[in-house]
Each structure stands twice: as structure tokens, then as C-alpha cells.
Amino acid sequence: MTHDVTRQSVGIEVRGGMFVPLIPRGTPVPARHSEIFTTADDGQESITVKVFAGDYESTSLNHPVGAYRVLLPHRQPRGVPQIEVIFSVDQMHQVTVTARDVHSGASVSVVRD
């Protein structure tokens, strides 16, 4: 029996346009990975997460999956919000991004830009 696997790595863009793979190429699908994000500025209303598929170190060489805006439930000092962002790849190789507040466990809205 063969298993369907991710054809490319799925990951995010970090400072400087660098690609950080979160779900490596060859991972059996469905697949899931989560990361904790916080804010860089006081009173920030959202966190933007840019998702890419590919296997190059630079996001400019990878395929953009989408930019997602995680809408924060409260304005807080920088570094205080703890938001778990969940990246999932289904059996059709579709990527979805969801989020939850670590402190309350409540779902957090995610909109695709």
C-alpha cells in the first residue's frame, strides 16, 4: 500500500524573505503542524503569515500559497498574545490555516488576504 505524501515542503516566510519549512516534502497527508506566534508591536490588531510551497531557501523561488491575517481578539503589549497557528495539508493537497488563542483556547479568526 502506498501513501500519498506532500509533493513540496509547506512553510512560512520569515524576515529577509527566507523560507522556513514546517511540513517537509514527503510527509504523509493529511498533515498538520502548529507554531506559536506573538506580536512585535504594542496594540497590534493582527499577525500576517505568508505561506509558501517549495524547497528553496528563498521565498522568491517558491510558490506562494497565500497570505493570511490572524485577527487578534484583544490589543495587548507586544509579545503578550500567544496564538497557535495551525497549518494543515489535506489529501487533495489543499493548505488551510487556522488559529487559536493559547491562553483561552478560543478560536481566532483567520482571513486570507
Foldseek 3Di string as FASTA:
>chain_A
DDFDWAQFFKFWADPPQFTDGFGHGGHGPFDKGKDKDWFPAFQDQWDKTWMFTHDDGGRVPTHTLFIKIWGDPGGGGTPPWIKIWMWTQHPVRRIDIWIATPVPRHTTDMDTD
